[in-house]
Amino acid sequence: MAFREIDDDLWEIVQKYLPPTKPHIGRPRCDPRRLINGILYVLTTGCSWLDVPANYGTKSTVHRYHLELCEKGVYQAIFLDLLQSGYEIKKIDLSHCATDTKDIPAKKGDPSAMMAIRR
């Protein structure tokens, strides 16, 4: 899969949800857009954090920023915003969706679990 950096339109949506930059004490934080592009590079290409190109920041900085965004629920907020935007501009149509039942856990013969399901 080819990697593309975030364009300006998507960046406007994403940057609303990013944590505010800390006051200037010590070393200044890297550019958040570069860090996001570094995270997306790893997630899109499937490479390890060790292989993040240097123009996105150091591997540890990019990974640490990714963990911070995970802990603060930033990805969920961005996803829900993009999902809502897709509904509003009629780019998402769920009339042809299907669920694969292999993702639903099965109760492997546990009688007490079966009784709980029947109630």
PDB file of N, CA and C in Angstrom:
ATOM      1  N   MET A   1       0.851  -1.170   0.000  1.00  0.00           N
ATOM      2  CA  MET A   1       0.000   0.000   0.000  1.00  0.00           C
ATOM      3  C   MET A   1       0.898   1.235   0.000  1.00  0.00           C
ATOM      4  N   ALA A   2       0.582   2.171  -0.846  1.00  0.00           N
ATOM      5  CA  ALA A   2       1.384   3.392  -0.950  1.00  0.00           C
ATOM      6  C   ALA A   2       1.029   4.354   0.179  1.00  0.00           C
ATOM      7  N   PHE A   3       2.034   5.043   0.672  1.00  0.00           N
ATOM      8  CA  PHE A   3       1.822   5.987   1.757  1.00  0.00           C
ATOM      9  C   PHE A   3       1.673   7.393   1.190  1.00  0.00           C
ATOM     10  N   ARG A   4       0.674   8.108   1.686  1.00  0.00           N
ATOM     11  CA  ARG A   4       0.488   9.522   1.345  1.00  0.00           C
ATOM     12  C   ARG A   4       0.369  10.308   2.633  1.00  0.00           C
ATOM     13  N   GLU A   5       1.027  11.440   2.686  1.00  0.00           N
ATOM     14  CA  GLU A   5       0.934  12.290   3.876  1.00  0.00           C
ATOM     15  C   GLU A   5      -0.441  12.943   3.937  1.00  0.00           C
ATOM     16  N   ILE A   6      -0.776  13.437   5.122  1.00  0.00           N
ATOM     17  CA  ILE A   6      -2.069  14.081   5.337  1.00  0.00           C
ATOM     18  C   ILE A   6      -2.157  15.358   4.501  1.00  0.00           C
ATOM     19  N   ASP A   7      -3.273  15.507   3.804  1.00  0.00           N
ATOM     20  CA  ASP A   7      -3.472  16.757   3.057  1.00  0.00           C
ATOM     21  C   ASP A   7      -4.051  17.823   3.985  1.00  0.00           C
ATOM     22  N   ASP A   8      -4.162  19.042   3.499  1.00  0.00           N
ATOM     23  CA  ASP A   8      -4.592  20.166   4.329  1.00  0.00           C
ATOM     24  C   ASP A   8      -6.021  20.018   4.843  1.00  0.00           C
ATOM     25  N   ASP A   9      -6.916  19.472   4.020  1.00  0.00           N
ATOM     26  CA  ASP A   9      -8.315  19.309   4.446  1.00  0.00           C
ATOM     27  C   ASP A   9      -8.425  18.325   5.616  1.00  0.00           C
ATOM     28  N   LEU A  10      -7.742  17.199   5.512  1.00  0.00           N
ATOM     29  CA  LEU A  10      -7.776  16.221   6.597  1.00  0.00           C
ATOM     30  C   LEU A  10      -7.062  16.759   7.832  1.00  0.00           C
ATOM     31  N   TRP A  11      -6.003  17.513   7.632  1.00  0.00           N
ATOM     32  CA  TRP A  11      -5.257  18.070   8.764  1.00  0.00           C
ATOM     33  C   TRP A  11      -6.131  19.017   9.580  1.00  0.00           C
ATOM     34  N   GLU A  12      -7.014  19.766   8.925  1.00  0.00           N
ATOM     35  CA  GLU A  12      -7.920  20.666   9.655  1.00  0.00           C
ATOM     36  C   GLU A  12      -8.802  19.886  10.618  1.00  0.00           C
ATOM     37  N   ILE A  13      -9.241  18.718  10.213  1.00  0.00           N
ATOM     38  CA  ILE A  13     -10.080  17.889  11.081  1.00  0.00           C
ATOM     39  C   ILE A  13      -9.248  17.282  12.201  1.00  0.00           C
ATOM     40  N   VAL A  14      -8.098  16.727  11.863  1.00  0.00           N
ATOM     41  CA  VAL A  14      -7.272  16.010  12.829  1.00  0.00           C
ATOM     42  C   VAL A  14      -6.742  16.927  13.917  1.00  0.00           C
ATOM     43  N   GLN A  15      -6.264  18.101  13.548  1.00  0.00           N
ATOM     44  CA  GLN A  15      -5.596  18.961  14.531  1.00  0.00           C
ATOM     45  C   GLN A  15      -6.526  19.470  15.627  1.00  0.00           C
ATOM     46  N   LYS A  16      -7.841  19.450  15.395  1.00  0.00           N
ATOM     47  CA  LYS A  16      -8.793  19.855  16.440  1.00  0.00           C
ATOM     48  C   LYS A  16      -8.720  18.945  17.654  1.00  0.00           C
ATOM     49  N   TYR A  17      -8.354  17.687  17.433  1.00  0.00           N
ATOM     50  CA  TYR A  17      -8.392  16.692  18.491  1.00  0.00           C
ATOM     51  C   TYR A  17      -7.048  16.435  19.158  1.00  0.00           C
ATOM     52  N   LEU A  18      -5.991  17.001  18.627  1.00  0.00           N
ATOM     53  CA  LEU A  18      -4.670  16.766  19.193  1.00  0.00           C
ATOM     54  C   LEU A  18      -4.500  17.505  20.504  1.00  0.00           C
ATOM     55  N   PRO A  19      -3.750  16.929  21.432  1.00  0.00           N
ATOM     56  CA  PRO A  19      -3.532  17.600  22.715  1.00  0.00           C
ATOM     57  C   PRO A  19      -2.774  18.909  22.508  1.00  0.00           C
ATOM     58  N   PRO A  20      -3.061  19.906  23.334  1.00  0.00           N
ATOM     59  CA  PRO A  20      -2.359  21.186  23.167  1.00  0.00           C
ATOM     60  C   PRO A  20      -0.863  21.021  23.418  1.00  0.00           C
ATOM     61  N   THR A  21      -0.090  21.836  22.728  1.00  0.00           N
ATOM     62  CA  THR A  21       1.353  21.765  22.941  1.00  0.00           C
ATOM     63  C   THR A  21       1.679  22.321  24.315  1.00  0.00           C
ATOM     64  N   LYS A  22       2.677  21.749  24.916  1.00  0.00           N
ATOM     65  CA  LYS A  22       3.069  22.163  26.257  1.00  0.00           C
ATOM     66  C   LYS A  22       3.762  23.520  26.190  1.00  0.00           C
ATOM     67  N   PRO A  23       3.732  24.276  27.296  1.00  0.00           N
ATOM     68  CA  PRO A  23       4.465  25.539  27.312  1.00  0.00           C
ATOM     69  C   PRO A  23       5.953  25.280  27.074  1.00  0.00           C
ATOM     70  N   HIS A  24       6.606  26.266  26.530  1.00  0.00           N
ATOM     71  CA  HIS A  24       8.007  26.098  26.161  1.00  0.00           C
ATOM     72  C   HIS A  24       8.886  25.997  27.404  1.00  0.00           C
ATOM     73  N   ILE A  25       9.117  24.764  27.823  1.00  0.00           N
ATOM     74  CA  ILE A  25      10.043  24.471  28.916  1.00  0.00           C
ATOM     75  C   ILE A  25      10.948  23.367  28.384  1.00  0.00           C
ATOM     76  N   GLY A  26      12.206  23.609  28.309  1.00  0.00           N
ATOM     77  CA  GLY A  26      13.132  22.609  27.782  1.00  0.00           C
ATOM     78  C   GLY A  26      13.049  22.523  26.274  1.00  0.00           C
ATOM     79  N   ARG A  27      13.221  21.330  25.753  1.00  0.00           N
ATOM     80  CA  ARG A  27      13.223  21.117  24.310  1.00  0.00           C
ATOM     81  C   ARG A  27      11.817  21.283  23.744  1.00  0.00           C
ATOM     82  N   PRO A  28      11.667  22.046  22.656  1.00  0.00           N
ATOM     83  CA  PRO A  28      10.332  22.196  22.067  1.00  0.00           C
ATOM     84  C   PRO A  28       9.860  20.895  21.419  1.00  0.00           C
ATOM     85  N   ARG A  29       8.561  20.683  21.432  1.00  0.00           N
ATOM     86  CA  ARG A  29       7.972  19.475  20.857  1.00  0.00           C
ATOM     87  C   ARG A  29       8.070  19.536  19.337  1.00  0.00           C
ATOM     88  N   CYS A  30       8.182  18.383  18.727  1.00  0.00           N
ATOM     89  CA  CYS A  30       8.203  18.296  17.268  1.00  0.00           C
ATOM     90  C   CYS A  30       6.859  18.763  16.706  1.00  0.00           C
ATOM     91  N   ASP A  31       6.879  19.091  15.436  1.00  0.00           N
ATOM     92  CA  ASP A  31       5.665  19.501  14.740  1.00  0.00           C
ATOM     93  C   ASP A  31       4.650  18.357  14.764  1.00  0.00           C
ATOM     94  N   PRO A  32       3.437  18.581  15.282  1.00  0.00           N
ATOM     95  CA  PRO A  32       2.453  17.489  15.385  1.00  0.00           C
ATOM     96  C   PRO A  32       2.085  16.882  14.035  1.00  0.00           C
ATOM     97  N   ARG A  33       2.073  17.690  12.998  1.00  0.00           N
ATOM     98  CA  ARG A  33       1.730  17.156  11.675  1.00  0.00           C
ATOM     99  C   ARG A  33       2.792  16.167  11.209  1.00  0.00           C
ATOM    100  N   ARG A  34       4.047  16.460  11.466  1.00  0.00           N
ATOM    101  CA  ARG A  34       5.120  15.530  11.115  1.00  0.00           C
ATOM    102  C   ARG A  34       4.983  14.231  11.910  1.00  0.00           C
ATOM    103  N   LEU A  35       4.658  14.362  13.196  1.00  0.00           N
ATOM    104  CA  LEU A  35       4.503  13.173  14.033  1.00  0.00           C
ATOM    105  C   LEU A  35       3.330  12.304  13.565  1.00  0.00           C
ATOM    106  N   ILE A  36       2.218  12.939  13.228  1.00  0.00           N
ATOM    107  CA  ILE A  36       1.051  12.197  12.726  1.00  0.00           C
ATOM    108  C   ILE A  36       1.412  11.485  11.431  1.00  0.00           C
ATOM    109  N   ASN A  37       2.124  12.179  10.539  1.00  0.00           N
ATOM    110  CA  ASN A  37       2.544  11.538   9.296  1.00  0.00           C
ATOM    111  C   ASN A  37       3.480  10.365   9.569  1.00  0.00           C
ATOM    112  N   GLY A  38       4.333  10.486  10.580  1.00  0.00           N
ATOM    113  CA  GLY A  38       5.199   9.374  10.961  1.00  0.00           C
ATOM    114  C   GLY A  38       4.401   8.181  11.463  1.00  0.00           C
ATOM    115  N   ILE A  39       3.383   8.448  12.278  1.00  0.00           N
ATOM    116  CA  ILE A  39       2.514   7.381  12.781  1.00  0.00           C
ATOM    117  C   ILE A  39       1.790   6.711  11.616  1.00  0.00           C
ATOM    118  N   LEU A  40       1.241   7.509  10.729  1.00  0.00           N
ATOM    119  CA  LEU A  40       0.527   6.959   9.580  1.00  0.00           C
ATOM    120  C   LEU A  40       1.459   6.180   8.656  1.00  0.00           C
ATOM    121  N   TYR A  41       2.719   6.612   8.576  1.00  0.00           N
ATOM    122  CA  TYR A  41       3.692   5.878   7.768  1.00  0.00           C
ATOM    123  C   TYR A  41       3.856   4.460   8.300  1.00  0.00           C
ATOM    124  N   VAL A  42       4.004   4.332   9.601  1.00  0.00           N
ATOM    125  CA  VAL A  42       4.174   3.008  10.208  1.00  0.00           C
ATOM    126  C   VAL A  42       2.914   2.176  10.024  1.00  0.00           C
ATOM    127  N   LEU A  43       1.747   2.764  10.269  1.00  0.00           N
ATOM    128  CA  LEU A  43       0.498   2.018  10.181  1.00  0.00           C
ATOM    129  C   LEU A  43       0.148   1.640   8.743  1.00  0.00           C
ATOM    130  N   THR A  44       0.521   2.479   7.790  1.00  0.00           N
ATOM    131  CA  THR A  44       0.196   2.210   6.393  1.00  0.00           C
ATOM    132  C   THR A  44       1.152   1.210   5.762  1.00  0.00           C
ATOM    133  N   THR A  45       2.432   1.374   6.024  1.00  0.00           N
ATOM    134  CA  THR A  45       3.416   0.498   5.383  1.00  0.00           C
ATOM    135  C   THR A  45       3.615  -0.809   6.126  1.00  0.00           C
ATOM    136  N   GLY A  46       3.275  -0.845   7.407  1.00  0.00           N
ATOM    137  CA  GLY A  46       3.463  -2.056   8.192  1.00  0.00           C
ATOM    138  C   GLY A  46       4.885  -2.238   8.697  1.00  0.00           C
ATOM    139  N   CYS A  47       5.702  -1.205   8.563  1.00  0.00           N
ATOM    140  CA  CYS A  47       7.071  -1.314   9.050  1.00  0.00           C
ATOM    141  C   CYS A  47       7.087  -1.186  10.573  1.00  0.00           C
ATOM    142  N   SER A  48       8.229  -1.431  11.168  1.00  0.00           N
ATOM    143  CA  SER A  48       8.340  -1.290  12.618  1.00  0.00           C
ATOM    144  C   SER A  48       8.640   0.169  12.962  1.00  0.00           C
ATOM    145  N   TRP A  49       8.510   0.498  14.229  1.00  0.00           N
ATOM    146  CA  TRP A  49       8.799   1.858  14.673  1.00  0.00           C
ATOM    147  C   TRP A  49      10.258   2.208  14.440  1.00  0.00           C
ATOM    148  N   LEU A  50      11.102   1.223  14.391  1.00  0.00           N
ATOM    149  CA  LEU A  50      12.527   1.455  14.147  1.00  0.00           C
ATOM    150  C   LEU A  50      12.786   2.015  12.751  1.00  0.00           C
ATOM    151  N   ASP A  51      11.857   1.760  11.824  1.00  0.00           N
ATOM    152  CA  ASP A  51      12.052   2.159  10.433  1.00  0.00           C
ATOM    153  C   ASP A  51      11.361   3.461  10.059  1.00  0.00           C
ATOM    154  N   VAL A  52      10.923   4.239  11.032  1.00  0.00           N
ATOM    155  CA  VAL A  52      10.292   5.531  10.741  1.00  0.00           C
ATOM    156  C   VAL A  52      11.331   6.448  10.087  1.00  0.00           C
ATOM    157  N   PRO A  53      11.032   7.027   8.932  1.00  0.00           N
ATOM    158  CA  PRO A  53      11.989   7.943   8.311  1.00  0.00           C
ATOM    159  C   PRO A  53      12.297   9.120   9.235  1.00  0.00           C
ATOM    160  N   ALA A  54      13.524   9.576   9.203  1.00  0.00           N
ATOM    161  CA  ALA A  54      13.995  10.628  10.116  1.00  0.00           C
ATOM    162  C   ALA A  54      13.263  11.951   9.909  1.00  0.00           C
ATOM    163  N   ASN A  55      12.718  12.193   8.732  1.00  0.00           N
ATOM    164  CA  ASN A  55      12.025  13.475   8.514  1.00  0.00           C
ATOM    165  C   ASN A  55      10.722  13.585   9.296  1.00  0.00           C
ATOM    166  N   TYR A  56      10.254  12.483   9.907  1.00  0.00           N
ATOM    167  CA  TYR A  56       9.055  12.527  10.754  1.00  0.00           C
ATOM    168  C   TYR A  56       9.393  12.637  12.233  1.00  0.00           C
ATOM    169  N   GLY A  57      10.638  12.587  12.566  1.00  0.00           N
ATOM    170  CA  GLY A  57      11.070  12.632  13.960  1.00  0.00           C
ATOM    171  C   GLY A  57      11.761  11.324  14.318  1.00  0.00           C
ATOM    172  N   THR A  58      12.272  11.264  15.525  1.00  0.00           N
ATOM    173  CA  THR A  58      12.935  10.032  15.941  1.00  0.00           C
ATOM    174  C   THR A  58      11.893   8.944  16.183  1.00  0.00           C
ATOM    175  N   LYS A  59      12.337   7.708  16.100  1.00  0.00           N
ATOM    176  CA  LYS A  59      11.401   6.590  16.276  1.00  0.00           C
ATOM    177  C   LYS A  59      10.736   6.619  17.644  1.00  0.00           C
ATOM    178  N   SER A  60      11.520   7.005  18.665  1.00  0.00           N
ATOM    179  CA  SER A  60      10.951   7.027  20.010  1.00  0.00           C
ATOM    180  C   SER A  60       9.951   8.168  20.173  1.00  0.00           C
ATOM    181  N   THR A  61      10.204   9.308  19.557  1.00  0.00           N
ATOM    182  CA  THR A  61       9.281  10.439  19.651  1.00  0.00           C
ATOM    183  C   THR A  61       7.968  10.123  18.953  1.00  0.00           C
ATOM    184  N   VAL A  62       8.049   9.558  17.763  1.00  0.00           N
ATOM    185  CA  VAL A  62       6.833   9.213  17.012  1.00  0.00           C
ATOM    186  C   VAL A  62       6.028   8.156  17.770  1.00  0.00           C
ATOM    187  N   HIS A  63       6.702   7.150  18.292  1.00  0.00           N
ATOM    188  CA  HIS A  63       6.000   6.088  19.027  1.00  0.00           C
ATOM    189  C   HIS A  63       5.390   6.623  20.323  1.00  0.00           C
ATOM    190  N   ARG A  64       6.123   7.458  21.037  1.00  0.00           N
ATOM    191  CA  ARG A  64       5.607   8.032  22.284  1.00  0.00           C
ATOM    192  C   ARG A  64       4.365   8.893  22.014  1.00  0.00           C
ATOM    193  N   TYR A  65       4.389   9.660  20.916  1.00  0.00           N
ATOM    194  CA  TYR A  65       3.232  10.486  20.557  1.00  0.00           C
ATOM    195  C   TYR A  65       2.038   9.595  20.215  1.00  0.00           C
ATOM    196  N   HIS A  66       2.293   8.496  19.512  1.00  0.00           N
ATOM    197  CA  HIS A  66       1.234   7.532  19.190  1.00  0.00           C
ATOM    198  C   HIS A  66       0.602   6.979  20.468  1.00  0.00           C
ATOM    199  N   LEU A  67       1.427   6.599  21.441  1.00  0.00           N
ATOM    200  CA  LEU A  67       0.902   6.080  22.711  1.00  0.00           C
ATOM    201  C   LEU A  67       0.099   7.139  23.457  1.00  0.00           C
ATOM    202  N   GLU A  68       0.562   8.391  23.413  1.00  0.00           N
ATOM    203  CA  GLU A  68      -0.178   9.479  24.068  1.00  0.00           C
ATOM    204  C   GLU A  68      -1.551   9.655  23.430  1.00  0.00           C
ATOM    205  N   LEU A  69      -1.608   9.604  22.106  1.00  0.00           N
ATOM    206  CA  LEU A  69      -2.894   9.747  21.419  1.00  0.00           C
ATOM    207  C   LEU A  69      -3.812   8.574  21.729  1.00  0.00           C
ATOM    208  N   CYS A  70      -3.244   7.384  21.856  1.00  0.00           N
ATOM    209  CA  CYS A  70      -4.046   6.206  22.223  1.00  0.00           C
ATOM    210  C   CYS A  70      -4.658   6.374  23.614  1.00  0.00           C
ATOM    211  N   GLU A  71      -3.830   6.778  24.564  1.00  0.00           N
ATOM    212  CA  GLU A  71      -4.288   6.919  25.950  1.00  0.00           C
ATOM    213  C   GLU A  71      -5.374   7.971  26.099  1.00  0.00           C
ATOM    214  N   LYS A  72      -5.296   9.031  25.314  1.00  0.00           N
ATOM    215  CA  LYS A  72      -6.258  10.126  25.432  1.00  0.00           C
ATOM    216  C   LYS A  72      -7.498   9.931  24.565  1.00  0.00           C
ATOM    217  N   GLY A  73      -7.592   8.843  23.826  1.00  0.00           N
ATOM    218  CA  GLY A  73      -8.771   8.565  23.007  1.00  0.00           C
ATOM    219  C   GLY A  73      -8.891   9.463  21.794  1.00  0.00           C
ATOM    220  N   VAL A  74      -7.773   9.990  21.334  1.00  0.00           N
ATOM    221  CA  VAL A  74      -7.791  10.923  20.202  1.00  0.00           C
ATOM    222  C   VAL A  74      -8.209  10.217  18.915  1.00  0.00           C
ATOM    223  N   TYR A  75      -7.731   9.000  18.705  1.00  0.00           N
ATOM    224  CA  TYR A  75      -8.062   8.284  17.473  1.00  0.00           C
ATOM    225  C   TYR A  75      -9.559   8.022  17.366  1.00  0.00           C
ATOM    226  N   GLN A  76     -10.191   7.666  18.467  1.00  0.00           N
ATOM    227  CA  GLN A  76     -11.637   7.424  18.439  1.00  0.00           C
ATOM    228  C   GLN A  76     -12.390   8.703  18.089  1.00  0.00           C
ATOM    229  N   ALA A  77     -11.967   9.833  18.656  1.00  0.00           N
ATOM    230  CA  ALA A  77     -12.633  11.106  18.374  1.00  0.00           C
ATOM    231  C   ALA A  77     -12.480  11.488  16.907  1.00  0.00           C
ATOM    232  N   ILE A  78     -11.275  11.302  16.373  1.00  0.00           N
ATOM    233  CA  ILE A  78     -11.045  11.616  14.959  1.00  0.00           C
ATOM    234  C   ILE A  78     -11.890  10.705  14.080  1.00  0.00           C
ATOM    235  N   PHE A  79     -11.899   9.411  14.397  1.00  0.00           N
ATOM    236  CA  PHE A  79     -12.670   8.455  13.603  1.00  0.00           C
ATOM    237  C   PHE A  79     -14.157   8.811  13.603  1.00  0.00           C
ATOM    238  N   LEU A  80     -14.705   9.128  14.773  1.00  0.00           N
ATOM    239  CA  LEU A  80     -16.128   9.467  14.837  1.00  0.00           C
ATOM    240  C   LEU A  80     -16.442  10.737  14.058  1.00  0.00           C
ATOM    241  N   ASP A  81     -15.549  11.717  14.100  1.00  0.00           N
ATOM    242  CA  ASP A  81     -15.744  12.946  13.329  1.00  0.00           C
ATOM    243  C   ASP A  81     -15.731  12.638  11.834  1.00  0.00           C
ATOM    244  N   LEU A  82     -14.765  11.853  11.383  1.00  0.00           N
ATOM    245  CA  LEU A  82     -14.690  11.506   9.963  1.00  0.00           C
ATOM    246  C   LEU A  82     -15.891  10.671   9.534  1.00  0.00           C
ATOM    247  N   LEU A  83     -16.336   9.784  10.412  1.00  0.00           N
ATOM    248  CA  LEU A  83     -17.510   8.973  10.116  1.00  0.00           C
ATOM    249  C   LEU A  83     -18.749   9.848   9.972  1.00  0.00           C
ATOM    250  N   GLN A  84     -18.929  10.784  10.902  1.00  0.00           N
ATOM    251  CA  GLN A  84     -20.073  11.690  10.833  1.00  0.00           C
ATOM    252  C   GLN A  84     -20.003  12.549   9.572  1.00  0.00           C
ATOM    253  N   SER A  85     -18.821  13.019   9.232  1.00  0.00           N
ATOM    254  CA  SER A  85     -18.655  13.819   8.013  1.00  0.00           C
ATOM    255  C   SER A  85     -19.026  13.003   6.782  1.00  0.00           C
ATOM    256  N   GLY A  86     -18.645  11.726   6.776  1.00  0.00           N
ATOM    257  CA  GLY A  86     -18.976  10.859   5.652  1.00  0.00           C
ATOM    258  C   GLY A  86     -20.472  10.674   5.483  1.00  0.00           C
ATOM    259  N   TYR A  87     -21.190  10.555   6.598  1.00  0.00           N
ATOM    260  CA  TYR A  87     -22.648  10.461   6.522  1.00  0.00           C
ATOM    261  C   TYR A  87     -23.245  11.753   5.982  1.00  0.00           C
ATOM    262  N   GLU A  88     -22.732  12.880   6.453  1.00  0.00           N
ATOM    263  CA  GLU A  88     -23.299  14.171   6.064  1.00  0.00           C
ATOM    264  C   GLU A  88     -23.119  14.465   4.582  1.00  0.00           C
ATOM    265  N   ILE A  89     -21.999  14.054   4.000  1.00  0.00           N
ATOM    266  CA  ILE A  89     -21.779  14.342   2.582  1.00  0.00           C
ATOM    267  C   ILE A  89     -22.165  13.147   1.699  1.00  0.00           C
ATOM    268  N   LYS A  90     -22.870  12.193   2.295  1.00  0.00           N
ATOM    269  CA  LYS A  90     -23.393  11.025   1.575  1.00  0.00           C
ATOM    270  C   LYS A  90     -22.294  10.181   0.923  1.00  0.00           C
ATOM    271  N   LYS A  91     -21.132  10.082   1.567  1.00  0.00           N
ATOM    272  CA  LYS A  91     -20.054   9.235   1.064  1.00  0.00           C
ATOM    273  C   LYS A  91     -20.055   7.863   1.719  1.00  0.00           C
ATOM    274  N   ILE A  92     -20.866   7.690   2.753  1.00  0.00           N
ATOM    275  CA  ILE A  92     -20.950   6.403   3.440  1.00  0.00           C
ATOM    276  C   ILE A  92     -22.371   5.873   3.281  1.00  0.00           C
ATOM    277  N   ASP A  93     -22.457   4.642   2.794  1.00  0.00           N
ATOM    278  CA  ASP A  93     -23.749   3.992   2.607  1.00  0.00           C
ATOM    279  C   ASP A  93     -23.678   2.624   3.267  1.00  0.00           C
ATOM    280  N   LEU A  94     -24.406   2.440   4.352  1.00  0.00           N
ATOM    281  CA  LEU A  94     -24.366   1.184   5.084  1.00  0.00           C
ATOM    282  C   LEU A  94     -25.440   0.195   4.641  1.00  0.00           C
ATOM    283  N   SER A  95     -26.093   0.456   3.518  1.00  0.00           N
ATOM    284  CA  SER A  95     -27.151  -0.442   3.076  1.00  0.00           C
ATOM    285  C   SER A  95     -26.604  -1.768   2.551  1.00  0.00           C
ATOM    286  N   HIS A  96     -25.310  -1.848   2.297  1.00  0.00           N
ATOM    287  CA  HIS A  96     -24.713  -3.075   1.762  1.00  0.00           C
ATOM    288  C   HIS A  96     -23.674  -3.655   2.711  1.00  0.00           C
ATOM    289  N   CYS A  97     -23.867  -3.517   4.006  1.00  0.00           N
ATOM    290  CA  CYS A  97     -22.905  -4.023   4.994  1.00  0.00           C
ATOM    291  C   CYS A  97     -23.288  -5.427   5.437  1.00  0.00           C
ATOM    292  N   ALA A  98     -22.275  -6.164   5.872  1.00  0.00           N
ATOM    293  CA  ALA A  98     -22.494  -7.505   6.400  1.00  0.00           C
ATOM    294  C   ALA A  98     -21.558  -7.711   7.577  1.00  0.00           C
ATOM    295  N   THR A  99     -21.978  -8.559   8.500  1.00  0.00           N
ATOM    296  CA  THR A  99     -21.139  -8.893   9.649  1.00  0.00           C
ATOM    297  C   THR A  99     -20.713 -10.342   9.523  1.00  0.00           C
ATOM    298  N   ASP A 100     -19.449 -10.585   9.729  1.00  0.00           N
ATOM    299  CA  ASP A 100     -18.924 -11.943   9.679  1.00  0.00           C
ATOM    300  C   ASP A 100     -19.051 -12.539  11.074  1.00  0.00           C
ATOM    301  N   THR A 101     -19.763 -13.627  11.183  1.00  0.00           N
ATOM    302  CA  THR A 101     -20.031 -14.206  12.506  1.00  0.00           C
ATOM    303  C   THR A 101     -18.826 -14.907  13.109  1.00  0.00           C
ATOM    304  N   LYS A 102     -17.736 -15.065  12.385  1.00  0.00           N
ATOM    305  CA  LYS A 102     -16.554 -15.700  12.974  1.00  0.00           C
ATOM    306  C   LYS A 102     -15.936 -14.822  14.055  1.00  0.00           C
ATOM    307  N   ASP A 103     -16.296 -13.540  14.089  1.00  0.00           N
ATOM    308  CA  ASP A 103     -15.786 -12.629  15.105  1.00  0.00           C
ATOM    309  C   ASP A 103     -16.587 -12.666  16.401  1.00  0.00           C
ATOM    310  N   ILE A 104     -17.678 -13.428  16.420  1.00  0.00           N
ATOM    311  CA  ILE A 104     -18.506 -13.533  17.614  1.00  0.00           C
ATOM    312  C   ILE A 104     -18.034 -14.751  18.404  1.00  0.00           C
ATOM    313  N   PRO A 105     -17.656 -14.571  19.675  1.00  0.00           N
ATOM    314  CA  PRO A 105     -17.140 -15.723  20.433  1.00  0.00           C
ATOM    315  C   PRO A 105     -18.237 -16.762  20.679  1.00  0.00           C
ATOM    316  N   ALA A 106     -17.849 -18.011  20.580  1.00  0.00           N
ATOM    317  CA  ALA A 106     -18.784 -19.106  20.812  1.00  0.00           C
ATOM    318  C   ALA A 106     -18.593 -19.633  22.225  1.00  0.00           C
ATOM    319  N   LYS A 107     -19.674 -20.037  22.840  1.00  0.00           N
ATOM    320  CA  LYS A 107     -19.626 -20.664  24.162  1.00  0.00           C
ATOM    321  C   LYS A 107     -19.425 -22.153  23.934  1.00  0.00           C
ATOM    322  N   LYS A 108     -18.271 -22.644  24.231  1.00  0.00           N
ATOM    323  CA  LYS A 108     -17.897 -24.020  23.878  1.00  0.00           C
ATOM    324  C   LYS A 108     -18.475 -25.045  24.841  1.00  0.00           C
ATOM    325  N   GLY A 109     -19.773 -25.237  24.776  1.00  0.00           N
ATOM    326  CA  GLY A 109     -20.404 -26.299  25.523  1.00  0.00           C
ATOM    327  C   GLY A 109     -20.552 -26.055  27.011  1.00  0.00           C
ATOM    328  N   ASP A 110     -20.362 -24.856  27.495  1.00  0.00           N
ATOM    329  CA  ASP A 110     -20.506 -24.561  28.914  1.00  0.00           C
ATOM    330  C   ASP A 110     -22.009 -24.453  29.207  1.00  0.00           C
ATOM    331  N   PRO A 111     -22.586 -25.411  29.943  1.00  0.00           N
ATOM    332  CA  PRO A 111     -24.034 -25.406  30.182  1.00  0.00           C
ATOM    333  C   PRO A 111     -24.512 -24.148  30.912  1.00  0.00           C
ATOM    334  N   SER A 112     -23.707 -23.634  31.833  1.00  0.00           N
ATOM    335  CA  SER A 112     -24.149 -22.441  32.547  1.00  0.00           C
ATOM    336  C   SER A 112     -24.199 -21.239  31.605  1.00  0.00           C
ATOM    337  N   ALA A 113     -23.293 -21.197  30.651  1.00  0.00           N
ATOM    338  CA  ALA A 113     -23.305 -20.088  29.689  1.00  0.00           C
ATOM    339  C   ALA A 113     -24.515 -20.215  28.777  1.00  0.00           C
ATOM    340  N   MET A 114     -24.857 -21.451  28.423  1.00  0.00           N
ATOM    341  CA  MET A 114     -26.013 -21.673  27.554  1.00  0.00           C
ATOM    342  C   MET A 114     -27.305 -21.272  28.277  1.00  0.00           C
ATOM    343  N   MET A 115     -27.385 -21.552  29.571  1.00  0.00           N
ATOM    344  CA  MET A 115     -28.576 -21.171  30.342  1.00  0.00           C
ATOM    345  C   MET A 115     -28.684 -19.650  30.423  1.00  0.00           C
ATOM    346  N   ALA A 116     -27.558 -18.984  30.564  1.00  0.00           N
ATOM    347  CA  ALA A 116     -27.583 -17.524  30.648  1.00  0.00           C
ATOM    348  C   ALA A 116     -28.037 -16.917  29.334  1.00  0.00           C
ATOM    349  N   ILE A 117     -27.673 -17.543  28.231  1.00  0.00           N
ATOM    350  CA  ILE A 117     -28.089 -17.044  26.919  1.00  0.00           C
ATOM    351  C   ILE A 117     -29.583 -17.215  26.728  1.00  0.00           C
ATOM    352  N   ARG A 118     -30.143 -18.348  27.198  1.00  0.00           N
ATOM    353  CA  ARG A 118     -31.568 -18.631  26.989  1.00  0.00           C
ATOM    354  C   ARG A 118     -32.450 -17.731  27.829  1.00  0.00           C
ATOM    355  N   ARG A 119     -31.931 -17.228  28.940  1.00  0.00           N
ATOM    356  CA  ARG A 119     -32.777 -16.403  29.826  1.00  0.00           C
ATOM    357  C   ARG A 119     -32.972 -15.109  29.222  1.00  0.00           C
TER     358      ARG A 119
END
